[in-house]
PDB file of N, CA and C in Angstrom:
ATOM      1  N   MET A   1     139.816 101.718  23.792  1.00  0.00           N
ATOM      2  CA  MET A   1     139.536 101.483  25.184  1.00  0.00           C
ATOM      3  C   MET A   1     140.544 100.463  25.692  1.00  0.00           C
ATOM      4  N   ARG A   2     140.970 100.657  26.935  1.00  0.00           N
ATOM      5  CA  ARG A   2     141.884  99.710  27.561  1.00  0.00           C
ATOM      6  C   ARG A   2     141.308  99.308  28.915  1.00  0.00           C
ATOM      7  N   VAL A   3     141.254  98.009  29.173  1.00  0.00           N
ATOM      8  CA  VAL A   3     140.802  97.473  30.450  1.00  0.00           C
ATOM      9  C   VAL A   3     141.977  96.741  31.076  1.00  0.00           C
ATOM     10  N   SER A   4     142.324  97.131  32.311  1.00  0.00           N
ATOM     11  CA  SER A   4     143.439  96.496  33.024  1.00  0.00           C
ATOM     12  C   SER A   4     142.920  95.909  34.323  1.00  0.00           C
ATOM     13  N   TRP A   5     143.229  94.634  34.566  1.00  0.00           N
ATOM     14  CA  TRP A   5     142.799  93.928  35.771  1.00  0.00           C
ATOM     15  C   TRP A   5     143.981  93.816  36.727  1.00  0.00           C
ATOM     16  N   PHE A   6     143.772  94.196  37.979  1.00  0.00           N
ATOM     17  CA  PHE A   6     144.761  94.075  39.032  1.00  0.00           C
ATOM     18  C   PHE A   6     144.142  93.287  40.183  1.00  0.00           C
ATOM     19  N   LYS A   7     144.945  92.931  41.163  1.00  0.00           N
ATOM     20  CA  LYS A   7     144.421  92.159  42.300  1.00  0.00           C
ATOM     21  C   LYS A   7     143.358  92.925  43.078  1.00  0.00           C
ATOM     22  N   ASP A   8     143.506  94.248  43.158  1.00  0.00           N
ATOM     23  CA  ASP A   8     142.611  95.041  43.992  1.00  0.00           C
ATOM     24  C   ASP A   8     141.673  95.976  43.232  1.00  0.00           C
ATOM     25  N   ARG A   9     141.782  95.998  41.878  1.00  0.00           N
ATOM     26  CA  ARG A   9     140.951  96.937  41.125  1.00  0.00           C
ATOM     27  C   ARG A   9     140.932  96.581  39.636  1.00  0.00           C
ATOM     28  N   ILE A  10     139.987  97.188  38.943  1.00  0.00           N
ATOM     29  CA  ILE A  10     139.904  97.152  37.485  1.00  0.00           C
ATOM     30  C   ILE A  10     139.946  98.601  37.023  1.00  0.00           C
ATOM     31  N   GLU A  11     140.778  98.874  36.032  1.00  0.00           N
ATOM     32  CA  GLU A  11     140.854 100.218  35.457  1.00  0.00           C
ATOM     33  C   GLU A  11     140.389 100.175  34.007  1.00  0.00           C
ATOM     34  N   ILE A  12     139.473 101.074  33.671  1.00  0.00           N
ATOM     35  CA  ILE A  12     138.958 101.183  32.308  1.00  0.00           C
ATOM     36  C   ILE A  12     139.298 102.585  31.815  1.00  0.00           C
ATOM     37  N   ILE A  13     140.030 102.655  30.720  1.00  0.00           N
ATOM     38  CA  ILE A  13     140.449 103.949  30.185  1.00  0.00           C
ATOM     39  C   ILE A  13     139.961 104.058  28.740  1.00  0.00           C
ATOM     40  N   SER A  14     139.223 105.119  28.482  1.00  0.00           N
ATOM     41  CA  SER A  14     138.691 105.368  27.147  1.00  0.00           C
ATOM     42  C   SER A  14     139.209 106.718  26.654  1.00  0.00           C
ATOM     43  N   PRO A  15     140.064 106.725  25.638  1.00  0.00           N
ATOM     44  CA  PRO A  15     140.572 107.998  25.144  1.00  0.00           C
ATOM     45  C   PRO A  15     139.492 108.781  24.406  1.00  0.00           C
ATOM     46  N   GLY A  16     139.653 110.083  24.369  1.00  0.00           N
ATOM     47  CA  GLY A  16     138.730 110.915  23.605  1.00  0.00           C
ATOM     48  C   GLY A  16     137.870 111.823  24.446  1.00  0.00           C
ATOM     49  N   GLY A  17     137.602 111.482  25.687  1.00  0.00           N
ATOM     50  CA  GLY A  17     136.791 112.335  26.544  1.00  0.00           C
ATOM     51  C   GLY A  17     135.343 112.398  26.112  1.00  0.00           C
ATOM     52  N   PRO A  18     134.533 113.164  26.850  1.00  0.00           N
ATOM     53  CA  PRO A  18     133.121 113.296  26.499  1.00  0.00           C
ATOM     54  C   PRO A  18     132.951 114.055  25.186  1.00  0.00           C
ATOM     55  N   TYR A  19     131.762 113.943  24.610  1.00  0.00           N
ATOM     56  CA  TYR A  19     131.506 114.500  23.275  1.00  0.00           C
ATOM     57  C   TYR A  19     130.149 115.190  23.243  1.00  0.00           C
ATOM     58  N   GLY A  20     130.053 116.258  22.501  1.00  0.00           N
ATOM     59  CA  GLY A  20     128.770 116.913  22.239  1.00  0.00           C
ATOM     60  C   GLY A  20     128.080 117.407  23.488  1.00  0.00           C
ATOM     61  N   ASN A  21     126.859 116.917  23.741  1.00  0.00           N
ATOM     62  CA  ASN A  21     126.069 117.334  24.900  1.00  0.00           C
ATOM     63  C   ASN A  21     126.643 116.842  26.222  1.00  0.00           C
ATOM     64  N   VAL A  22     127.512 115.860  26.177  1.00  0.00           N
ATOM     65  CA  VAL A  22     128.089 115.292  27.394  1.00  0.00           C
ATOM     66  C   VAL A  22     129.348 116.083  27.745  1.00  0.00           C
ATOM     67  N   THR A  23     129.420 116.538  28.994  1.00  0.00           N
ATOM     68  CA  THR A  23     130.555 117.306  29.483  1.00  0.00           C
ATOM     69  C   THR A  23     131.148 116.607  30.699  1.00  0.00           C
ATOM     70  N   PRO A  24     132.338 117.014  31.144  1.00  0.00           N
ATOM     71  CA  PRO A  24     132.867 116.430  32.388  1.00  0.00           C
ATOM     72  C   PRO A  24     131.921 116.649  33.572  1.00  0.00           C
ATOM     73  N   GLU A  25     131.177 117.750  33.558  1.00  0.00           N
ATOM     74  CA  GLU A  25     130.275 118.056  34.677  1.00  0.00           C
ATOM     75  C   GLU A  25     129.023 117.172  34.696  1.00  0.00           C
ATOM     76  N   ASN A  26     128.480 116.815  33.527  1.00  0.00           N
ATOM     77  CA  ASN A  26     127.243 116.020  33.509  1.00  0.00           C
ATOM     78  C   ASN A  26     127.478 114.564  33.117  1.00  0.00           C
ATOM     79  N   PHE A  27     128.737 114.170  32.970  1.00  0.00           N
ATOM     80  CA  PHE A  27     129.057 112.806  32.561  1.00  0.00           C
ATOM     81  C   PHE A  27     128.448 111.803  33.535  1.00  0.00           C
ATOM     82  N   GLY A  28     127.759 110.811  33.008  1.00  0.00           N
ATOM     83  CA  GLY A  28     127.182 109.753  33.828  1.00  0.00           C
ATOM     84  C   GLY A  28     125.772 110.011  34.306  1.00  0.00           C
ATOM     85  N   GLU A  29     125.220 111.190  34.039  1.00  0.00           N
ATOM     86  CA  GLU A  29     123.843 111.456  34.425  1.00  0.00           C
ATOM     87  C   GLU A  29     122.919 110.734  33.452  1.00  0.00           C
ATOM     88  N   PRO A  30     121.933 109.997  33.982  1.00  0.00           N
ATOM     89  CA  PRO A  30     121.029 109.256  33.088  1.00  0.00           C
ATOM     90  C   PRO A  30     120.349 110.169  32.078  1.00  0.00           C
ATOM     91  N   GLY A  31     120.288 109.698  30.844  1.00  0.00           N
ATOM     92  CA  GLY A  31     119.579 110.404  29.789  1.00  0.00           C
ATOM     93  C   GLY A  31     120.403 111.424  29.030  1.00  0.00           C
ATOM     94  N   ILE A  32     121.605 111.753  29.501  1.00  0.00           N
ATOM     95  CA  ILE A  32     122.445 112.706  28.778  1.00  0.00           C
ATOM     96  C   ILE A  32     123.428 111.907  27.938  1.00  0.00           C
ATOM     97  N   THR A  33     123.207 111.910  26.629  1.00  0.00           N
ATOM     98  CA  THR A  33     124.032 111.116  25.724  1.00  0.00           C
ATOM     99  C   THR A  33     124.345 111.908  24.468  1.00  0.00           C
ATOM    100  N   ASP A  34     125.397 111.501  23.804  1.00  0.00           N
ATOM    101  CA  ASP A  34     125.745 112.016  22.487  1.00  0.00           C
ATOM    102  C   ASP A  34     126.767 111.050  21.912  1.00  0.00           C
ATOM    103  N   TYR A  35     126.870 110.991  20.595  1.00  0.00           N
ATOM    104  CA  TYR A  35     127.697 109.976  19.966  1.00  0.00           C
ATOM    105  C   TYR A  35     128.527 110.567  18.849  1.00  0.00           C
ATOM    106  N   ARG A  36     129.790 110.192  18.814  1.00  0.00           N
ATOM    107  CA  ARG A  36     130.653 110.615  17.709  1.00  0.00           C
ATOM    108  C   ARG A  36     130.191 109.983  16.403  1.00  0.00           C
ATOM    109  N   ASN A  37     129.677 108.770  16.484  1.00  0.00           N
ATOM    110  CA  ASN A  37     129.228 108.062  15.300  1.00  0.00           C
ATOM    111  C   ASN A  37     127.818 107.523  15.559  1.00  0.00           C
ATOM    112  N   PRO A  38     126.772 108.327  15.301  1.00  0.00           N
ATOM    113  CA  PRO A  38     125.409 107.887  15.582  1.00  0.00           C
ATOM    114  C   PRO A  38     124.991 106.664  14.770  1.00  0.00           C
ATOM    115  N   ASN A  39     125.556 106.479  13.574  1.00  0.00           N
ATOM    116  CA  ASN A  39     125.217 105.288  12.783  1.00  0.00           C
ATOM    117  C   ASN A  39     125.724 104.019  13.460  1.00  0.00           C
ATOM    118  N   LEU A  40     126.934 104.079  14.010  1.00  0.00           N
ATOM    119  CA  LEU A  40     127.479 102.929  14.727  1.00  0.00           C
ATOM    120  C   LEU A  40     126.660 102.651  15.988  1.00  0.00           C
ATOM    121  N   ALA A  41     126.284 103.701  16.707  1.00  0.00           N
ATOM    122  CA  ALA A  41     125.473 103.533  17.914  1.00  0.00           C
ATOM    123  C   ALA A  41     124.132 102.870  17.584  1.00  0.00           C
ATOM    124  N   ALA A  42     123.482 103.325  16.522  1.00  0.00           N
ATOM    125  CA  ALA A  42     122.200 102.745  16.119  1.00  0.00           C
ATOM    126  C   ALA A  42     122.365 101.286  15.703  1.00  0.00           C
ATOM    127  N   THR A  43     123.422 100.990  14.986  1.00  0.00           N
ATOM    128  CA  THR A  43     123.676  99.606  14.564  1.00  0.00           C
ATOM    129  C   THR A  43     123.903  98.699  15.768  1.00  0.00           C
ATOM    130  N   MET A  44     124.668  99.185  16.749  1.00  0.00           N
ATOM    131  CA  MET A  44     124.914  98.381  17.956  1.00  0.00           C
ATOM    132  C   MET A  44     123.609  98.088  18.690  1.00  0.00           C
ATOM    133  N   LYS A  45     122.686  99.061  18.705  1.00  0.00           N
ATOM    134  CA  LYS A  45     121.393  98.835  19.353  1.00  0.00           C
ATOM    135  C   LYS A  45     120.570  97.810  18.565  1.00  0.00           C
ATOM    136  N   ILE A  46     120.536  97.947  17.246  1.00  0.00           N
ATOM    137  CA  ILE A  46     119.775  97.018  16.404  1.00  0.00           C
ATOM    138  C   ILE A  46     120.298  95.592  16.571  1.00  0.00           C
ATOM    139  N   LEU A  47     121.609  95.442  16.679  1.00  0.00           N
ATOM    140  CA  LEU A  47     122.211  94.112  16.818  1.00  0.00           C
ATOM    141  C   LEU A  47     122.142  93.553  18.239  1.00  0.00           C
ATOM    142  N   GLY A  48     121.632  94.352  19.189  1.00  0.00           N
ATOM    143  CA  GLY A  48     121.443  93.855  20.545  1.00  0.00           C
ATOM    144  C   GLY A  48     122.625  94.062  21.482  1.00  0.00           C
ATOM    145  N   PHE A  49     123.625  94.836  21.051  1.00  0.00           N
ATOM    146  CA  PHE A  49     124.768  95.106  21.926  1.00  0.00           C
ATOM    147  C   PHE A  49     124.467  96.224  22.917  1.00  0.00           C
ATOM    148  N   VAL A  50     123.397  96.974  22.694  1.00  0.00           N
ATOM    149  CA  VAL A  50     122.978  98.073  23.551  1.00  0.00           C
ATOM    150  C   VAL A  50     121.508  97.875  23.848  1.00  0.00           C
ATOM    151  N   GLN A  51     121.130  98.012  25.133  1.00  0.00           N
ATOM    152  CA  GLN A  51     119.715  97.919  25.485  1.00  0.00           C
ATOM    153  C   GLN A  51     119.083  99.305  25.556  1.00  0.00           C
ATOM    154  N   ILE A  52     119.698 100.179  26.375  1.00  0.00           N
ATOM    155  CA  ILE A  52     119.183 101.534  26.554  1.00  0.00           C
ATOM    156  C   ILE A  52     120.386 102.472  26.595  1.00  0.00           C
ATOM    157  N   PHE A  53     120.388 103.500  25.765  1.00  0.00           N
ATOM    158  CA  PHE A  53     121.483 104.459  25.785  1.00  0.00           C
ATOM    159  C   PHE A  53     121.430 105.308  27.045  1.00  0.00           C
ATOM    160  N   GLY A  54     122.599 105.597  27.611  1.00  0.00           N
ATOM    161  CA  GLY A  54     122.701 106.511  28.740  1.00  0.00           C
ATOM    162  C   GLY A  54     122.411 105.912  30.102  1.00  0.00           C
ATOM    163  N   ARG A  55     122.328 104.594  30.213  1.00  0.00           N
ATOM    164  CA  ARG A  55     121.991 103.959  31.495  1.00  0.00           C
ATOM    165  C   ARG A  55     123.116 103.097  32.058  1.00  0.00           C
ATOM    166  N   GLY A  56     124.187 102.879  31.323  1.00  0.00           N
ATOM    167  CA  GLY A  56     125.231 101.943  31.742  1.00  0.00           C
ATOM    168  C   GLY A  56     125.891 102.278  33.065  1.00  0.00           C
ATOM    169  N   LEU A  57     126.250 103.546  33.270  1.00  0.00           N
ATOM    170  CA  LEU A  57     126.903 103.914  34.528  1.00  0.00           C
ATOM    171  C   LEU A  57     125.959 103.789  35.709  1.00  0.00           C
ATOM    172  N   ALA A  58     124.685 104.150  35.532  1.00  0.00           N
ATOM    173  CA  ALA A  58     123.715 104.005  36.624  1.00  0.00           C
ATOM    174  C   ALA A  58     123.555 102.536  37.012  1.00  0.00           C
ATOM    175  N   ILE A  59     123.503 101.670  36.029  1.00  0.00           N
ATOM    176  CA  ILE A  59     123.396 100.227  36.299  1.00  0.00           C
ATOM    177  C   ILE A  59     124.653  99.736  36.998  1.00  0.00           C
ATOM    178  N   ALA A  60     125.824 100.144  36.514  1.00  0.00           N
ATOM    179  CA  ALA A  60     127.083  99.723  37.140  1.00  0.00           C
ATOM    180  C   ALA A  60     127.159 100.204  38.584  1.00  0.00           C
ATOM    181  N   ARG A  61     126.768 101.450  38.842  1.00  0.00           N
ATOM    182  CA  ARG A  61     126.786 101.977  40.219  1.00  0.00           C
ATOM    183  C   ARG A  61     125.896 101.147  41.136  1.00  0.00           C
ATOM    184  N   LYS A  62     124.702 100.833  40.662  1.00  0.00           N
ATOM    185  CA  LYS A  62     123.770 100.045  41.462  1.00  0.00           C
ATOM    186  C   LYS A  62     124.335  98.657  41.741  1.00  0.00           C
ATOM    187  N   GLU A  63     124.874  98.003  40.739  1.00  0.00           N
ATOM    188  CA  GLU A  63     125.400  96.651  40.913  1.00  0.00           C
ATOM    189  C   GLU A  63     126.626  96.628  41.823  1.00  0.00           C
ATOM    190  N   LEU A  64     127.468  97.650  41.745  1.00  0.00           N
ATOM    191  CA  LEU A  64     128.607  97.731  42.661  1.00  0.00           C
ATOM    192  C   LEU A  64     128.120  97.848  44.097  1.00  0.00           C
ATOM    193  N   GLU A  65     127.083  98.662  44.318  1.00  0.00           N
ATOM    194  CA  GLU A  65     126.520  98.811  45.663  1.00  0.00           C
ATOM    195  C   GLU A  65     125.919  97.492  46.157  1.00  0.00           C
ATOM    196  N   VAL A  66     125.144  96.828  45.304  1.00  0.00           N
ATOM    197  CA  VAL A  66     124.532  95.546  45.669  1.00  0.00           C
ATOM    198  C   VAL A  66     125.618  94.517  46.017  1.00  0.00           C
ATOM    199  N   ASN A  67     126.728  94.570  45.287  1.00  0.00           N
ATOM    200  CA  ASN A  67     127.824  93.625  45.490  1.00  0.00           C
ATOM    201  C   ASN A  67     128.694  93.968  46.694  1.00  0.00           C
ATOM    202  N   GLY A  68     128.523  95.160  47.267  1.00  0.00           N
ATOM    203  CA  GLY A  68     129.325  95.561  48.414  1.00  0.00           C
ATOM    204  C   GLY A  68     130.639  96.237  48.053  1.00  0.00           C
ATOM    205  N   ASN A  69     130.808  96.588  46.788  1.00  0.00           N
ATOM    206  CA  ASN A  69     132.021  97.287  46.360  1.00  0.00           C
ATOM    207  C   ASN A  69     131.903  98.771  46.684  1.00  0.00           C
ATOM    208  N   PRO A  70     133.054  99.450  46.811  1.00  0.00           N
ATOM    209  CA  PRO A  70     132.994 100.914  46.923  1.00  0.00           C
ATOM    210  C   PRO A  70     132.514 101.523  45.603  1.00  0.00           C
ATOM    211  N   PRO A  71     132.047 102.762  45.635  1.00  0.00           N
ATOM    212  CA  PRO A  71     131.620 103.410  44.394  1.00  0.00           C
ATOM    213  C   PRO A  71     132.770 103.494  43.398  1.00  0.00           C
ATOM    214  N   MET A  72     132.430 103.467  42.111  1.00  0.00           N
ATOM    215  CA  MET A  72     133.462 103.617  41.085  1.00  0.00           C
ATOM    216  C   MET A  72     134.053 105.013  41.165  1.00  0.00           C
ATOM    217  N   GLU A  73     135.315 105.106  40.776  1.00  0.00           N
ATOM    218  CA  GLU A  73     135.998 106.390  40.736  1.00  0.00           C
ATOM    219  C   GLU A  73     136.096 106.812  39.267  1.00  0.00           C
ATOM    220  N   LEU A  74     135.556 107.980  38.950  1.00  0.00           N
ATOM    221  CA  LEU A  74     135.582 108.480  37.580  1.00  0.00           C
ATOM    222  C   LEU A  74     136.509 109.687  37.483  1.00  0.00           C
ATOM    223  N   ASN A  75     137.336 109.686  36.466  1.00  0.00           N
ATOM    224  CA  ASN A  75     138.168 110.835  36.132  1.00  0.00           C
ATOM    225  C   ASN A  75     137.819 111.185  34.693  1.00  0.00           C
ATOM    226  N   VAL A  76     137.126 112.299  34.522  1.00  0.00           N
ATOM    227  CA  VAL A  76     136.635 112.696  33.198  1.00  0.00           C
ATOM    228  C   VAL A  76     137.205 114.066  32.858  1.00  0.00           C
ATOM    229  N   ASN A  77     137.877 114.147  31.716  1.00  0.00           N
ATOM    230  CA  ASN A  77     138.311 115.445  31.213  1.00  0.00           C
ATOM    231  C   ASN A  77     138.150 115.433  29.697  1.00  0.00           C
ATOM    232  N   GLN A  78     138.594 116.474  29.031  1.00  0.00           N
ATOM    233  CA  GLN A  78     138.352 116.597  27.589  1.00  0.00           C
ATOM    234  C   GLN A  78     139.112 115.581  26.747  1.00  0.00           C
ATOM    235  N   SER A  79     140.105 114.902  27.320  1.00  0.00           N
ATOM    236  CA  SER A  79     140.891 113.971  26.511  1.00  0.00           C
ATOM    237  C   SER A  79     140.753 112.509  26.907  1.00  0.00           C
ATOM    238  N   VAL A  80     140.146 112.204  28.045  1.00  0.00           N
ATOM    239  CA  VAL A  80     140.055 110.812  28.486  1.00  0.00           C
ATOM    240  C   VAL A  80     138.936 110.639  29.515  1.00  0.00           C
ATOM    241  N   VAL A  81     138.379 109.433  29.530  1.00  0.00           N
ATOM    242  CA  VAL A  81     137.475 109.008  30.592  1.00  0.00           C
ATOM    243  C   VAL A  81     138.125 107.797  31.243  1.00  0.00           C
ATOM    244  N   ALA A  82     138.372 107.890  32.539  1.00  0.00           N
ATOM    245  CA  ALA A  82     138.998 106.791  33.262  1.00  0.00           C
ATOM    246  C   ALA A  82     138.099 106.390  34.431  1.00  0.00           C
ATOM    247  N   CYS A  83     137.909 105.091  34.589  1.00  0.00           N
ATOM    248  CA  CYS A  83     137.079 104.549  35.651  1.00  0.00           C
ATOM    249  C   CYS A  83     137.881 103.501  36.410  1.00  0.00           C
ATOM    250  N   THR A  84     137.874 103.597  37.748  1.00  0.00           N
ATOM    251  CA  THR A  84     138.519 102.590  38.579  1.00  0.00           C
ATOM    252  C   THR A  84     137.449 101.937  39.436  1.00  0.00           C
ATOM    253  N   ILE A  85     137.421 100.620  39.402  1.00  0.00           N
ATOM    254  CA  ILE A  85     136.494  99.837  40.226  1.00  0.00           C
ATOM    255  C   ILE A  85     137.347  99.045  41.211  1.00  0.00           C
ATOM    256  N   ARG A  86     137.105  99.273  42.491  1.00  0.00           N
ATOM    257  CA  ARG A  86     137.893  98.612  43.538  1.00  0.00           C
ATOM    258  C   ARG A  86     137.128  97.458  44.163  1.00  0.00           C
ATOM    259  N   ARG A  87     137.890  96.551  44.772  1.00  0.00           N
ATOM    260  CA  ARG A  87     137.287  95.407  45.476  1.00  0.00           C
ATOM    261  C   ARG A  87     136.373  95.852  46.560  1.00  0.00           C
TER     262      ARG A  87
END
């Protein structure tokens, strides 16, 4: 994953694209999840790095709205997930 900070935006790029049950069409819908490494995902939850699977984008969208930011821009395809957050 790469996070780049600019004066007017933040860009988050995650190589690999969606996996399993998650497709470019349903990416970001609450409750639709799948993991390349389910053991790592479970460990992250046990250690407290994850609260609820499949809710991060919904929370981010809500917080951006509360903060007065424009909606995040998502570019999802089979090889990459890219998110731009603007001021």
